[in-house]
Amino acid sequence: MVKVHDVIPDIPVSDIDAARGFYEDFLGLGNEEFNLGWVARFTSAETGAHVQLVTEDATAPLIPVLSLKVDDIDAAYAEAVDRGFDIVHPLTTEEWGVTRFFVRDPDGNVINITAHRE
């Protein structure tokens, strides 16, 4: 069984800068953890709640609905393959430092399974 230690909603937006005020000011997610131009994470300094705003994906064919941080990315990938799940984006170590893959859930939602390798 996969051990998930963080769940981050991925929200499709047309323009991160245009959406910034709503998420930072109105929702109080004022800490921009990172911004790669096509994806940015906004977090509440008070509660730790966060969302990712996504305009596209730099290396994958689809925008996921969720990003799940897991403790063992290799085991998670092996289990997804063993269970015959639809892998939308293969296990890849991305240039921005994460290893991830995308898998489709039974209802067709695309989930980004991710981890930072130590």
C-alpha atoms as a PDB file:
ATOM      1  CA  MET A   1       0.000   0.000   0.000  1.00  0.00           C
ATOM      2  CA  VAL A   2       1.230   3.491  -0.887  1.00  0.00           C
ATOM      3  CA  LYS A   3       1.891   5.862   2.033  1.00  0.00           C
ATOM      4  CA  VAL A   4       0.718   9.398   1.145  1.00  0.00           C
ATOM      5  CA  HIS A   5       2.044  12.198   3.344  1.00  0.00           C
ATOM      6  CA  ASP A   6       0.648  15.258   1.535  1.00  0.00           C
ATOM      7  CA  VAL A   7      -2.256  15.986  -0.813  1.00  0.00           C
ATOM      8  CA  ILE A   8      -2.135  19.104  -2.983  1.00  0.00           C
ATOM      9  CA  PRO A   9      -5.029  20.146  -5.240  1.00  0.00           C
ATOM     10  CA  ASP A  10      -3.899  21.105  -8.759  1.00  0.00           C
ATOM     11  CA  ILE A  11      -6.125  23.879 -10.058  1.00  0.00           C
ATOM     12  CA  PRO A  12      -6.075  24.652 -13.776  1.00  0.00           C
ATOM     13  CA  VAL A  13      -5.785  28.393 -14.445  1.00  0.00           C
ATOM     14  CA  SER A  14      -5.179  30.365 -17.612  1.00  0.00           C
ATOM     15  CA  ASP A  15      -2.714  32.781 -15.977  1.00  0.00           C
ATOM     16  CA  ILE A  16      -0.982  32.307 -12.615  1.00  0.00           C
ATOM     17  CA  ASP A  17      -0.327  36.023 -12.121  1.00  0.00           C
ATOM     18  CA  ALA A  18      -3.966  36.886 -12.821  1.00  0.00           C
ATOM     19  CA  ALA A  19      -5.132  34.256 -10.288  1.00  0.00           C
ATOM     20  CA  ARG A  20      -2.572  35.248  -7.641  1.00  0.00           C
ATOM     21  CA  GLY A  21      -4.697  37.901  -5.885  1.00  0.00           C
ATOM     22  CA  PHE A  22      -7.612  35.542  -5.352  1.00  0.00           C
ATOM     23  CA  TYR A  23      -5.474  32.803  -3.790  1.00  0.00           C
ATOM     24  CA  GLU A  24      -3.014  35.030  -1.907  1.00  0.00           C
ATOM     25  CA  ASP A  25      -5.236  37.848  -0.708  1.00  0.00           C
ATOM     26  CA  PHE A  26      -8.761  36.455  -0.543  1.00  0.00           C
ATOM     27  CA  LEU A  27      -7.929  32.885   0.547  1.00  0.00           C
ATOM     28  CA  GLY A  28      -4.873  33.815   2.606  1.00  0.00           C
ATOM     29  CA  LEU A  29      -2.472  31.491   0.785  1.00  0.00           C
ATOM     30  CA  GLY A  30       0.177  34.212   0.712  1.00  0.00           C
ATOM     31  CA  ASN A  31       3.383  32.181   0.754  1.00  0.00           C
ATOM     32  CA  GLU A  32       4.454  31.370  -2.810  1.00  0.00           C
ATOM     33  CA  GLU A  33       6.559  28.242  -2.218  1.00  0.00           C
ATOM     34  CA  PHE A  34       7.697  28.024  -5.816  1.00  0.00           C
ATOM     35  CA  ASN A  35       6.770  29.250  -9.274  1.00  0.00           C
ATOM     36  CA  LEU A  36       8.060  27.548 -12.427  1.00  0.00           C
ATOM     37  CA  GLY A  37       6.001  29.789 -14.720  1.00  0.00           C
ATOM     38  CA  TRP A  38       3.525  27.015 -15.552  1.00  0.00           C
ATOM     39  CA  VAL A  39       2.935  25.784 -11.977  1.00  0.00           C
ATOM     40  CA  ALA A  40       3.073  27.620  -8.656  1.00  0.00           C
ATOM     41  CA  ARG A  41       2.259  26.544  -5.110  1.00  0.00           C
ATOM     42  CA  PHE A  42       0.576  28.957  -2.694  1.00  0.00           C
ATOM     43  CA  THR A  43       0.504  28.111   1.020  1.00  0.00           C
ATOM     44  CA  SER A  44      -0.964  29.613   4.171  1.00  0.00           C
ATOM     45  CA  ALA A  45       1.827  30.522   6.588  1.00  0.00           C
ATOM     46  CA  GLU A  46      -0.670  30.103   9.409  1.00  0.00           C
ATOM     47  CA  THR A  47      -2.236  26.711   8.619  1.00  0.00           C
ATOM     48  CA  GLY A  48       0.009  25.081   5.995  1.00  0.00           C
ATOM     49  CA  ALA A  49      -2.961  24.603   3.640  1.00  0.00           C
ATOM     50  CA  HIS A  50      -1.918  24.852   0.014  1.00  0.00           C
ATOM     51  CA  VAL A  51      -2.920  24.655  -3.643  1.00  0.00           C
ATOM     52  CA  GLN A  52      -1.015  24.494  -6.887  1.00  0.00           C
ATOM     53  CA  LEU A  53      -2.081  26.634  -9.819  1.00  0.00           C
ATOM     54  CA  VAL A  54      -1.266  25.016 -13.164  1.00  0.00           C
ATOM     55  CA  THR A  55      -1.488  26.490 -16.670  1.00  0.00           C
ATOM     56  CA  GLU A  56      -0.033  23.411 -18.399  1.00  0.00           C
ATOM     57  CA  ASP A  57       2.463  20.690 -17.609  1.00  0.00           C
ATOM     58  CA  ALA A  58       5.992  21.127 -18.899  1.00  0.00           C
ATOM     59  CA  THR A  59       6.657  17.429 -19.557  1.00  0.00           C
ATOM     60  CA  ALA A  60       3.384  15.529 -19.219  1.00  0.00           C
ATOM     61  CA  PRO A  61       0.382  15.364 -21.559  1.00  0.00           C
ATOM     62  CA  LEU A  62      -2.294  16.336 -19.003  1.00  0.00           C
ATOM     63  CA  ILE A  63      -2.831  18.485 -15.930  1.00  0.00           C
ATOM     64  CA  PRO A  64      -3.540  16.287 -12.887  1.00  0.00           C
ATOM     65  CA  VAL A  65      -6.339  17.033 -10.435  1.00  0.00           C
ATOM     66  CA  LEU A  66      -4.165  16.176  -7.412  1.00  0.00           C
ATOM     67  CA  SER A  67      -0.525  15.841  -6.521  1.00  0.00           C
ATOM     68  CA  LEU A  68       0.171  13.252  -3.845  1.00  0.00           C
ATOM     69  CA  LYS A  69       3.544  13.225  -2.114  1.00  0.00           C
ATOM     70  CA  VAL A  70       4.546   9.686  -1.196  1.00  0.00           C
ATOM     71  CA  ASP A  71       7.316   8.184   0.892  1.00  0.00           C
ATOM     72  CA  ASP A  72       8.503   5.594  -1.690  1.00  0.00           C
ATOM     73  CA  ILE A  73       7.960   6.634  -5.306  1.00  0.00           C
ATOM     74  CA  ASP A  74       9.512   3.458  -6.745  1.00  0.00           C
ATOM     75  CA  ALA A  75       7.240   1.194  -4.701  1.00  0.00           C
ATOM     76  CA  ALA A  76       4.201   3.318  -5.601  1.00  0.00           C
ATOM     77  CA  TYR A  77       5.018   3.067  -9.307  1.00  0.00           C
ATOM     78  CA  ALA A  78       5.617  -0.691  -9.099  1.00  0.00           C
ATOM     79  CA  GLU A  79       2.299  -1.185  -7.329  1.00  0.00           C
ATOM     80  CA  ALA A  80       0.410   0.943  -9.874  1.00  0.00           C
ATOM     81  CA  VAL A  81       1.919  -1.110 -12.709  1.00  0.00           C
ATOM     82  CA  ASP A  82       1.215  -4.422 -10.905  1.00  0.00           C
ATOM     83  CA  ARG A  83      -2.410  -3.409 -10.429  1.00  0.00           C
ATOM     84  CA  GLY A  84      -2.724  -2.586 -14.110  1.00  0.00           C
ATOM     85  CA  PHE A  85      -3.591   1.071 -13.629  1.00  0.00           C
ATOM     86  CA  ASP A  86      -3.363   3.415 -16.622  1.00  0.00           C
ATOM     87  CA  ILE A  87      -0.010   5.201 -16.357  1.00  0.00           C
ATOM     88  CA  VAL A  88      -0.473   8.537 -18.150  1.00  0.00           C
ATOM     89  CA  HIS A  89       3.089   9.838 -17.589  1.00  0.00           C
ATOM     90  CA  PRO A  90       5.890   7.347 -16.823  1.00  0.00           C
ATOM     91  CA  LEU A  91       8.126   7.407 -13.769  1.00  0.00           C
ATOM     92  CA  THR A  92      10.409  10.358 -14.498  1.00  0.00           C
ATOM     93  CA  THR A  93      12.937  12.389 -12.553  1.00  0.00           C
ATOM     94  CA  GLU A  94      12.173  15.930 -13.649  1.00  0.00           C
ATOM     95  CA  GLU A  95      14.740  18.702 -14.068  1.00  0.00           C
ATOM     96  CA  TRP A  96      13.142  20.680 -11.198  1.00  0.00           C
ATOM     97  CA  GLY A  97      14.043  17.959  -8.705  1.00  0.00           C
ATOM     98  CA  VAL A  98      11.048  15.675  -8.241  1.00  0.00           C
ATOM     99  CA  THR A  99      10.463  12.131  -9.364  1.00  0.00           C
ATOM    100  CA  ARG A 100       6.880  11.514 -10.410  1.00  0.00           C
ATOM    101  CA  PHE A 101       4.395   9.611 -12.507  1.00  0.00           C
ATOM    102  CA  PHE A 102       0.765  10.215 -13.445  1.00  0.00           C
ATOM    103  CA  VAL A 103      -1.849   7.516 -12.991  1.00  0.00           C
ATOM    104  CA  ARG A 104      -5.542   7.520 -13.870  1.00  0.00           C
ATOM    105  CA  ASP A 105      -8.010   6.582 -11.127  1.00  0.00           C
ATOM    106  CA  PRO A 106     -11.027   4.355 -11.951  1.00  0.00           C
ATOM    107  CA  ASP A 107     -13.145   7.430 -12.814  1.00  0.00           C
ATOM    108  CA  GLY A 108     -10.540   8.868 -15.176  1.00  0.00           C
ATOM    109  CA  ASN A 109      -9.039  11.503 -12.870  1.00  0.00           C
ATOM    110  CA  VAL A 110      -5.324  12.002 -13.421  1.00  0.00           C
ATOM    111  CA  ILE A 111      -3.262  11.872 -10.215  1.00  0.00           C
ATOM    112  CA  ASN A 112       0.347  13.063  -9.962  1.00  0.00           C
ATOM    113  CA  ILE A 113       2.284  10.744  -7.628  1.00  0.00           C
ATOM    114  CA  THR A 114       5.488  12.523  -6.582  1.00  0.00           C
ATOM    115  CA  ALA A 115       8.483  12.461  -4.260  1.00  0.00           C
ATOM    116  CA  HIS A 116      11.756  14.286  -3.766  1.00  0.00           C
ATOM    117  CA  ARG A 117      14.627  11.847  -3.864  1.00  0.00           C
ATOM    118  CA  GLU A 118      17.069  12.381  -1.024  1.00  0.00           C
END
